[in-house]
Amino acid sequence: MTMNDPLANVYSHILNCEKKGKEFCIIKPISKLIKQNIKLLQDNGYIGPTKEIKNGMGDIIEIKLMGNINKCGVIKPRHAIKKNGFERFEKRFLPAKDFGFLIISTPKGIITHIEAKKHNIGGKLLAYCY
């Protein structure tokens, strides 16, 4: 299996496990970017607790699914977004206002578009979830 975009593989695997009704989802390999995206999903109540398993050959994360994800995925290409340009992408990727969130890579780290609006900063779009 080729891995051109590990982040996209993570989101599609989580969504597939969610649709099948599985209780747990195993993610491997993992990186800092993947960990931060999973933490944002967890902080916003879309997934349950996670457990990192170190095995010496590309660690594994086990995620408890709660059935809260309707759709999630990465945004390709990774558009640059200005601090006042979120609305256009919210309309494109989210089904309704204040429903779900965009994940953005900013100078302050990887955060949701809601936090980016509060801090008044832009960045690059990574993913969405609702």
C-alpha atoms as a PDB file:
ATOM      1  CA  MET A   1       0.000   0.000   0.000  1.00  0.00           C
ATOM      2  CA  THR A   2       1.475   3.342  -1.003  1.00  0.00           C
ATOM      3  CA  MET A   3       1.274   6.250   1.384  1.00  0.00           C
ATOM      4  CA  ASN A   4       1.398   9.504  -0.509  1.00  0.00           C
ATOM      5  CA  ASP A   5      -0.559  11.435   2.096  1.00  0.00           C
ATOM      6  CA  PRO A   6      -0.572   9.822   5.546  1.00  0.00           C
ATOM      7  CA  LEU A   7      -2.956  12.492   6.932  1.00  0.00           C
ATOM      8  CA  ALA A   8      -5.522  11.747   4.208  1.00  0.00           C
ATOM      9  CA  ASN A   9      -5.182   8.023   4.982  1.00  0.00           C
ATOM     10  CA  VAL A  10      -5.881   8.705   8.669  1.00  0.00           C
ATOM     11  CA  TYR A  11      -9.057  10.694   7.953  1.00  0.00           C
ATOM     12  CA  SER A  12     -10.397   8.163   5.438  1.00  0.00           C
ATOM     13  CA  HIS A  13      -9.630   5.275   7.829  1.00  0.00           C
ATOM     14  CA  ILE A  14     -11.405   7.015  10.723  1.00  0.00           C
ATOM     15  CA  LEU A  15     -14.418   7.765   8.495  1.00  0.00           C
ATOM     16  CA  ASN A  16     -14.553   4.172   7.170  1.00  0.00           C
ATOM     17  CA  CYS A  17     -14.379   2.695  10.684  1.00  0.00           C
ATOM     18  CA  GLU A  18     -17.045   5.176  11.817  1.00  0.00           C
ATOM     19  CA  LYS A  19     -19.380   4.170   8.953  1.00  0.00           C
ATOM     20  CA  LYS A  20     -18.883   0.450   9.691  1.00  0.00           C
ATOM     21  CA  GLY A  21     -19.854   1.095  13.316  1.00  0.00           C
ATOM     22  CA  LYS A  22     -16.551  -0.081  14.761  1.00  0.00           C
ATOM     23  CA  GLU A  23     -15.747   0.758  18.352  1.00  0.00           C
ATOM     24  CA  PHE A  24     -11.997   1.300  17.847  1.00  0.00           C
ATOM     25  CA  CYS A  25      -9.787   2.496  15.019  1.00  0.00           C
ATOM     26  CA  ILE A  26      -6.052   1.768  14.784  1.00  0.00           C
ATOM     27  CA  ILE A  27      -3.864   4.392  13.106  1.00  0.00           C
ATOM     28  CA  LYS A  28      -0.336   3.732  11.913  1.00  0.00           C
ATOM     29  CA  PRO A  29       2.175   5.164  11.147  1.00  0.00           C
ATOM     30  CA  ILE A  30       1.854   8.344  13.211  1.00  0.00           C
ATOM     31  CA  SER A  31       3.548  11.741  13.128  1.00  0.00           C
ATOM     32  CA  LYS A  32       3.322  15.008  15.070  1.00  0.00           C
ATOM     33  CA  LEU A  33       0.886  16.370  12.465  1.00  0.00           C
ATOM     34  CA  ILE A  34      -1.376  13.323  12.783  1.00  0.00           C
ATOM     35  CA  LYS A  35      -1.238  13.458  16.608  1.00  0.00           C
ATOM     36  CA  GLN A  36      -2.211  17.152  16.626  1.00  0.00           C
ATOM     37  CA  ASN A  37      -5.130  16.525  14.226  1.00  0.00           C
ATOM     38  CA  ILE A  38      -6.376  13.632  16.371  1.00  0.00           C
ATOM     39  CA  LYS A  39      -6.073  15.807  19.507  1.00  0.00           C
ATOM     40  CA  LEU A  40      -8.254  18.506  17.862  1.00  0.00           C
ATOM     41  CA  LEU A  41     -10.888  15.887  16.963  1.00  0.00           C
ATOM     42  CA  GLN A  42     -10.786  14.650  20.558  1.00  0.00           C
ATOM     43  CA  ASP A  43     -10.933  18.150  22.104  1.00  0.00           C
ATOM     44  CA  ASN A  44     -14.023  18.960  20.021  1.00  0.00           C
ATOM     45  CA  GLY A  45     -15.855  15.773  21.040  1.00  0.00           C
ATOM     46  CA  TYR A  46     -15.754  13.892  17.728  1.00  0.00           C
ATOM     47  CA  ILE A  47     -13.695  10.943  19.019  1.00  0.00           C
ATOM     48  CA  GLY A  48     -13.172   9.402  22.429  1.00  0.00           C
ATOM     49  CA  PRO A  49      -9.979   8.710  24.349  1.00  0.00           C
ATOM     50  CA  THR A  50      -6.847   7.656  22.472  1.00  0.00           C
ATOM     51  CA  LYS A  51      -4.048   5.330  23.472  1.00  0.00           C
ATOM     52  CA  GLU A  52      -0.553   5.507  21.992  1.00  0.00           C
ATOM     53  CA  ILE A  53       1.164   2.136  21.689  1.00  0.00           C
ATOM     54  CA  LYS A  54       4.944   2.206  21.219  1.00  0.00           C
ATOM     55  CA  ASN A  55       6.272  -0.798  19.339  1.00  0.00           C
ATOM     56  CA  GLY A  56       9.587   0.527  18.016  1.00  0.00           C
ATOM     57  CA  MET A  57       8.510   0.298  14.354  1.00  0.00           C
ATOM     58  CA  GLY A  58       6.386   3.385  13.736  1.00  0.00           C
ATOM     59  CA  ASP A  59       4.108   3.682  16.752  1.00  0.00           C
ATOM     60  CA  ILE A  60       0.339   3.077  16.725  1.00  0.00           C
ATOM     61  CA  ILE A  61      -2.598   5.129  18.032  1.00  0.00           C
ATOM     62  CA  GLU A  62      -5.801   3.384  19.075  1.00  0.00           C
ATOM     63  CA  ILE A  63      -8.842   5.680  18.905  1.00  0.00           C
ATOM     64  CA  LYS A  64     -12.184   5.033  20.597  1.00  0.00           C
ATOM     65  CA  LEU A  65     -14.927   6.011  18.165  1.00  0.00           C
ATOM     66  CA  MET A  66     -18.174   7.488  19.456  1.00  0.00           C
ATOM     67  CA  GLY A  67     -20.235   7.730  16.266  1.00  0.00           C
ATOM     68  CA  ASN A  68     -20.097  11.540  16.208  1.00  0.00           C
ATOM     69  CA  ILE A  69     -18.388  12.051  12.829  1.00  0.00           C
ATOM     70  CA  ASN A  70     -20.641  12.636   9.838  1.00  0.00           C
ATOM     71  CA  LYS A  71     -17.827  13.484   7.434  1.00  0.00           C
ATOM     72  CA  CYS A  72     -14.159  14.344   7.681  1.00  0.00           C
ATOM     73  CA  GLY A  73     -11.284  14.649   5.270  1.00  0.00           C
ATOM     74  CA  VAL A  74      -8.217  16.567   4.196  1.00  0.00           C
ATOM     75  CA  ILE A  75      -8.327  19.648   1.993  1.00  0.00           C
ATOM     76  CA  LYS A  76      -6.210  19.373  -1.140  1.00  0.00           C
ATOM     77  CA  PRO A  77      -4.536  21.505  -2.302  1.00  0.00           C
ATOM     78  CA  ARG A  78      -3.658  23.113   1.024  1.00  0.00           C
ATOM     79  CA  HIS A  79      -4.991  26.586   0.348  1.00  0.00           C
ATOM     80  CA  ALA A  80      -3.401  29.569   2.067  1.00  0.00           C
ATOM     81  CA  ILE A  81      -6.090  31.481   3.914  1.00  0.00           C
ATOM     82  CA  LYS A  82      -6.041  35.056   5.201  1.00  0.00           C
ATOM     83  CA  LYS A  83      -7.412  36.047   8.600  1.00  0.00           C
ATOM     84  CA  ASN A  84     -10.619  37.390   7.021  1.00  0.00           C
ATOM     85  CA  GLY A  85     -11.092  34.694   4.346  1.00  0.00           C
ATOM     86  CA  PHE A  86     -12.557  31.827   6.388  1.00  0.00           C
ATOM     87  CA  GLU A  87     -16.180  32.281   5.306  1.00  0.00           C
ATOM     88  CA  ARG A  88     -15.563  31.143   1.728  1.00  0.00           C
ATOM     89  CA  PHE A  89     -14.024  27.852   2.862  1.00  0.00           C
ATOM     90  CA  GLU A  90     -16.622  27.340   5.613  1.00  0.00           C
ATOM     91  CA  LYS A  91     -19.317  27.473   2.930  1.00  0.00           C
ATOM     92  CA  ARG A  92     -17.379  25.082   0.716  1.00  0.00           C
ATOM     93  CA  PHE A  93     -16.462  22.378   3.262  1.00  0.00           C
ATOM     94  CA  LEU A  94     -18.973  22.650   6.138  1.00  0.00           C
ATOM     95  CA  PRO A  95     -22.718  21.964   5.800  1.00  0.00           C
ATOM     96  CA  ALA A  96     -23.968  24.873   7.943  1.00  0.00           C
ATOM     97  CA  LYS A  97     -22.771  27.873   9.936  1.00  0.00           C
ATOM     98  CA  ASP A  98     -21.259  26.913  13.325  1.00  0.00           C
ATOM     99  CA  PHE A  99     -21.464  23.200  12.457  1.00  0.00           C
ATOM    100  CA  GLY A 100     -18.105  21.431  12.396  1.00  0.00           C
ATOM    101  CA  PHE A 101     -14.710  23.028  11.947  1.00  0.00           C
ATOM    102  CA  LEU A 102     -11.761  23.483   9.627  1.00  0.00           C
ATOM    103  CA  ILE A 103      -8.271  22.540  10.822  1.00  0.00           C
ATOM    104  CA  ILE A 104      -5.607  25.095   9.970  1.00  0.00           C
ATOM    105  CA  SER A 105      -1.830  25.153  10.256  1.00  0.00           C
ATOM    106  CA  THR A 106      -0.880  28.597  11.592  1.00  0.00           C
ATOM    107  CA  PRO A 107       2.217  30.227  13.072  1.00  0.00           C
ATOM    108  CA  LYS A 108       0.652  29.484  16.496  1.00  0.00           C
ATOM    109  CA  GLY A 109       0.383  25.748  15.695  1.00  0.00           C
ATOM    110  CA  ILE A 110      -2.403  23.564  14.354  1.00  0.00           C
ATOM    111  CA  ILE A 111      -5.765  24.954  15.478  1.00  0.00           C
ATOM    112  CA  THR A 112      -9.405  25.113  14.407  1.00  0.00           C
ATOM    113  CA  HIS A 113     -10.691  27.961  12.254  1.00  0.00           C
ATOM    114  CA  ILE A 114     -12.767  29.153  15.232  1.00  0.00           C
ATOM    115  CA  GLU A 115      -9.599  29.706  17.312  1.00  0.00           C
ATOM    116  CA  ALA A 116      -7.841  31.284  14.312  1.00  0.00           C
ATOM    117  CA  LYS A 117     -10.686  33.816  14.031  1.00  0.00           C
ATOM    118  CA  LYS A 118     -10.329  34.644  17.744  1.00  0.00           C
ATOM    119  CA  HIS A 119      -6.549  35.113  17.436  1.00  0.00           C
ATOM    120  CA  ASN A 120      -7.057  37.003  14.148  1.00  0.00           C
ATOM    121  CA  ILE A 121      -4.531  34.910  12.178  1.00  0.00           C
ATOM    122  CA  GLY A 122      -4.484  33.020   8.888  1.00  0.00           C
ATOM    123  CA  GLY A 123      -2.640  29.916   7.757  1.00  0.00           C
ATOM    124  CA  LYS A 124      -2.968  26.885   5.507  1.00  0.00           C
ATOM    125  CA  LEU A 125      -6.045  24.654   5.399  1.00  0.00           C
ATOM    126  CA  LEU A 126      -5.378  21.040   6.384  1.00  0.00           C
ATOM    127  CA  ALA A 127      -8.690  19.278   7.029  1.00  0.00           C
ATOM    128  CA  TYR A 128     -12.345  19.554   8.010  1.00  0.00           C
ATOM    129  CA  CYS A 129     -14.673  17.611  10.280  1.00  0.00           C
ATOM    130  CA  TYR A 130     -18.385  17.732  11.121  1.00  0.00           C
END
